[in-house]
């Protein structure tokens, strides 16, 4: 595992009910361990429920809603998967616009498993190479991207992985991408709250 200092960086995590819990908790813990602040952004205030595949698990406090959060405040974006989570997010115009803003600004985006659905909906994948849960490969190809079956794929500012078994590689690659973005931002206070 590589060591990167993310002190001073704030990473947005966009998720809602049905998020695959381990794809939320493991990357969030890795980001915090590297010094980053994280904020859970969702469709509504309150809490969201994580799932262990199809079984409800723990609740997580939401820090802000996609309608109220400003993408400019964050250095990067983490998109955990689960089937229901990204399916609900891609049906919400504010969530899609929030996610698209990161890609449009060239900020790092790390997406695992089914989370690539939100990137398809945001129309930000044309010409990119990525991976995801295998059932998304047709959607990804139809969006103009190249789908590959690899543990982790880094294409510029985009980091993707297939499934929970890939979390170690995914977390390492995401932290490295966020660290590069932080190093390129000489004054993180410019986007602080």
Protein backbone atom coordinates (compact mmCIF):
# COMPACT_ATOMS: atom_id res chain seq x y z
CA UNK A 1 0.00 0.00 0.00
CA UNK A 2 1.34 3.40 -1.00
CA UNK A 3 1.42 6.24 1.49
CA UNK A 4 -0.02 9.59 0.45
CA UNK A 5 -0.91 12.52 2.67
CA UNK A 6 -4.38 13.85 1.90
CA UNK A 7 -4.40 16.36 4.77
CA UNK A 8 -6.37 19.44 3.78
CA UNK A 9 -8.35 17.67 1.06
CA UNK A 10 -12.10 17.11 1.22
CA UNK A 11 -13.58 14.26 -0.79
CA UNK A 12 -17.30 14.08 -1.60
CA UNK A 13 -18.91 10.64 -1.38
CA UNK A 14 -22.21 10.45 -3.26
CA UNK A 15 -24.50 7.61 -2.21
CA UNK A 16 -28.06 6.83 -1.21
CA UNK A 17 -30.04 3.91 0.20
CA UNK A 18 -28.88 0.59 -1.20
CA UNK A 19 -25.20 1.49 -1.35
CA UNK A 20 -22.95 -1.56 -1.08
CA UNK A 21 -21.77 -0.90 2.47
CA UNK A 22 -18.20 -2.14 2.14
CA UNK A 23 -17.73 -0.01 -1.00
CA UNK A 24 -18.64 3.01 1.12
CA UNK A 25 -16.88 2.16 4.37
CA UNK A 26 -13.53 0.75 3.17
CA UNK A 27 -12.64 3.64 0.83
CA UNK A 28 -13.92 6.19 3.36
CA UNK A 29 -11.76 4.66 6.10
CA UNK A 30 -8.74 4.64 3.75
CA UNK A 31 -9.29 8.30 2.85
CA UNK A 32 -9.60 9.32 6.49
CA UNK A 33 -6.50 7.28 7.40
CA UNK A 34 -4.61 9.20 4.67
CA UNK A 35 -5.70 12.51 6.26
CA UNK A 36 -8.64 13.50 4.05
CA UNK A 37 -11.94 14.84 5.23
CA UNK A 38 -14.97 13.15 3.69
CA UNK A 39 -18.56 14.27 3.35
CA UNK A 40 -21.45 11.97 2.53
CA UNK A 41 -23.68 13.65 -0.04
CA UNK A 42 -27.10 12.13 -0.78
CA UNK A 43 -30.51 12.80 -2.27
CA UNK A 44 -32.14 13.72 1.04
CA UNK A 45 -31.02 14.85 4.49
CA UNK A 46 -30.95 12.38 7.37
CA UNK A 47 -29.45 8.94 6.95
CA UNK A 48 -28.94 6.36 4.23
CA UNK A 49 -28.94 2.60 4.65
CA UNK A 50 -26.02 0.52 3.50
CA UNK A 51 -26.50 -3.01 2.23
CA UNK A 52 -24.46 -6.18 2.29
CA UNK A 53 -25.52 -7.31 -1.17
CA UNK A 54 -29.33 -7.59 -0.70
CA UNK A 55 -29.44 -7.41 3.10
CA UNK A 56 -29.92 -4.09 4.90
CA UNK A 57 -26.97 -3.25 7.14
CA UNK A 58 -25.99 0.02 8.86
CA UNK A 59 -27.27 3.58 8.60
CA UNK A 60 -24.95 6.48 7.76
CA UNK A 61 -25.47 10.17 8.49
CA UNK A 62 -25.76 12.41 5.45
CA UNK A 63 -23.63 15.59 5.57
CA UNK A 64 -25.35 17.43 2.70
CA UNK A 65 -27.80 16.92 -0.12
CA UNK A 66 -26.80 17.02 -3.78
CA UNK A 67 -29.04 20.05 -4.21
CA UNK A 68 -27.28 22.02 -1.49
CA UNK A 69 -23.67 20.82 -1.90
CA UNK A 70 -21.27 22.80 -4.09
CA UNK A 71 -18.90 20.62 -6.15
CA UNK A 72 -16.32 23.45 -6.03
CA UNK A 73 -15.80 22.73 -2.30
CA UNK A 74 -14.36 19.28 -2.96
CA UNK A 75 -11.05 18.02 -4.30
CA UNK A 76 -12.47 14.74 -5.60
CA UNK A 77 -15.44 12.41 -5.78
CA UNK A 78 -15.94 8.84 -4.56
CA UNK A 79 -18.82 6.83 -6.00
CA UNK A 80 -19.52 3.53 -4.19
CA UNK A 81 -21.69 0.94 -5.90
CA UNK A 82 -24.47 -1.42 -5.02
CA UNK A 83 -27.28 -2.00 -7.51
CA UNK A 84 -30.02 0.21 -6.02
CA UNK A 85 -27.74 3.12 -5.07
CA UNK A 86 -26.48 4.22 -8.50
CA UNK A 87 -29.78 3.32 -10.11
CA UNK A 88 -31.55 5.83 -7.83
CA UNK A 89 -28.80 8.44 -8.27
CA UNK A 90 -28.91 8.32 -12.07
CA UNK A 91 -32.64 9.09 -11.96
CA UNK A 92 -32.03 12.32 -9.99
CA UNK A 93 -31.09 15.36 -12.08
CA UNK A 94 -29.32 17.11 -9.19
CA UNK A 95 -27.20 14.05 -8.44
CA UNK A 96 -26.25 13.65 -12.10
CA UNK A 97 -25.34 17.36 -12.37
CA UNK A 98 -23.27 17.16 -9.17
CA UNK A 99 -21.34 14.16 -10.50
CA UNK A 100 -20.91 15.69 -13.96
CA UNK A 101 -19.41 18.83 -12.43
CA UNK A 102 -16.41 16.85 -11.17
CA UNK A 103 -15.70 15.35 -14.58
CA UNK A 104 -16.19 18.71 -16.30
CA UNK A 105 -13.65 20.32 -13.94
CA UNK A 106 -11.14 17.49 -14.39
CA UNK A 107 -11.28 16.55 -10.71
CA UNK A 108 -10.54 12.94 -9.78
CA UNK A 109 -13.51 10.59 -9.70
CA UNK A 110 -13.25 7.08 -8.21
CA UNK A 111 -16.14 4.72 -9.01
CA UNK A 112 -16.53 1.06 -8.12
CA UNK A 113 -18.90 -1.69 -9.21
CA UNK A 114 -22.32 -0.40 -10.40
CA UNK A 115 -21.38 3.25 -9.71
CA UNK A 116 -20.35 3.64 -13.35
CA UNK A 117 -24.07 3.88 -14.16
CA UNK A 118 -24.04 7.42 -12.79
CA UNK A 119 -21.10 8.29 -15.05
CA UNK A 120 -22.96 6.89 -18.05
CA UNK A 121 -25.96 9.04 -17.14
CA UNK A 122 -23.74 12.11 -16.68
CA UNK A 123 -22.47 11.53 -20.24
CA UNK A 124 -18.79 11.85 -19.27
CA UNK A 125 -17.33 8.57 -20.50
CA UNK A 126 -16.89 9.04 -24.27
CA UNK A 127 -13.36 8.02 -25.25
CA UNK A 128 -12.50 6.76 -21.76
CA UNK A 129 -11.38 3.29 -20.65
CA UNK A 130 -12.83 1.87 -17.45
CA UNK A 131 -14.06 -1.18 -15.63
CA UNK A 132 -17.16 -1.92 -13.57
CA UNK A 133 -19.39 -4.76 -12.53
CA UNK A 134 -19.56 -6.88 -15.72
CA UNK A 135 -23.30 -6.36 -16.30
CA UNK A 136 -22.65 -2.66 -17.05
CA UNK A 137 -20.27 -3.27 -19.95
CA UNK A 138 -22.93 -2.81 -22.66
CA UNK A 139 -24.10 0.49 -21.12
CA UNK A 140 -20.50 1.67 -20.89
CA UNK A 141 -19.70 0.71 -24.49
CA UNK A 142 -22.92 2.40 -25.65
CA UNK A 143 -21.74 5.59 -23.91
CA UNK A 144 -18.67 5.67 -26.16
CA UNK A 145 -16.21 4.21 -23.67
CA UNK A 146 -14.05 1.08 -23.69
CA UNK A 147 -14.87 -1.49 -21.00
CA UNK A 148 -12.12 -3.82 -19.72
CA UNK A 149 -12.18 -6.60 -17.14
CA UNK A 150 -9.39 -5.51 -14.77
CA UNK A 151 -9.03 -5.08 -11.02
CA UNK A 152 -8.49 -1.33 -11.28
CA UNK A 153 -8.28 1.01 -14.25
CA UNK A 154 -6.85 4.52 -14.12
CA UNK A 155 -7.65 6.71 -17.12
CA UNK A 156 -6.48 10.24 -16.39
CA UNK A 157 -8.60 11.52 -13.50
CA UNK A 158 -10.93 8.48 -13.56
CA UNK A 159 -10.32 5.47 -11.29
CA UNK A 160 -12.62 2.44 -11.58
CA UNK A 161 -12.87 -1.08 -10.17
CA UNK A 162 -15.22 -4.03 -10.60
CA UNK A 163 -16.28 -5.29 -7.18
CA UNK A 164 -15.55 -5.49 -3.45
CA UNK A 165 -12.73 -7.99 -4.04
CA UNK A 166 -10.88 -5.14 -5.81
CA UNK A 167 -11.10 -2.71 -2.89
CA UNK A 168 -7.42 -2.79 -1.90
CA UNK A 169 -6.28 -1.83 -5.40
CA UNK A 170 -9.18 0.61 -5.78
CA UNK A 171 -8.42 2.43 -2.53
CA UNK A 172 -4.71 2.72 -3.38
CA UNK A 173 -5.41 4.08 -6.87
CA UNK A 174 -8.09 6.48 -5.64
CA UNK A 175 -5.87 7.87 -2.89
CA UNK A 176 -3.04 8.34 -5.39
CA UNK A 177 -5.38 10.20 -7.77
CA UNK A 178 -6.69 12.42 -4.97
CA UNK A 179 -3.13 13.11 -3.79
CA UNK A 180 -2.07 14.19 -7.30
CA UNK A 181 -5.04 16.53 -7.49
CA UNK A 182 -4.19 17.98 -4.08
CA UNK A 183 -0.58 18.52 -5.11
CA UNK A 184 -1.76 20.31 -8.25
CA UNK A 185 -3.95 22.64 -6.15
CA UNK A 186 -1.51 25.11 -4.56
CA UNK A 187 -4.20 26.70 -2.41
CA UNK A 188 -6.82 24.22 -1.17
CA UNK A 189 -8.30 27.00 0.98
CA UNK A 190 -9.76 28.49 -2.21
CA UNK A 191 -12.40 25.77 -2.25
CA UNK A 192 -12.85 25.39 1.49
CA UNK A 193 -16.33 25.98 2.92
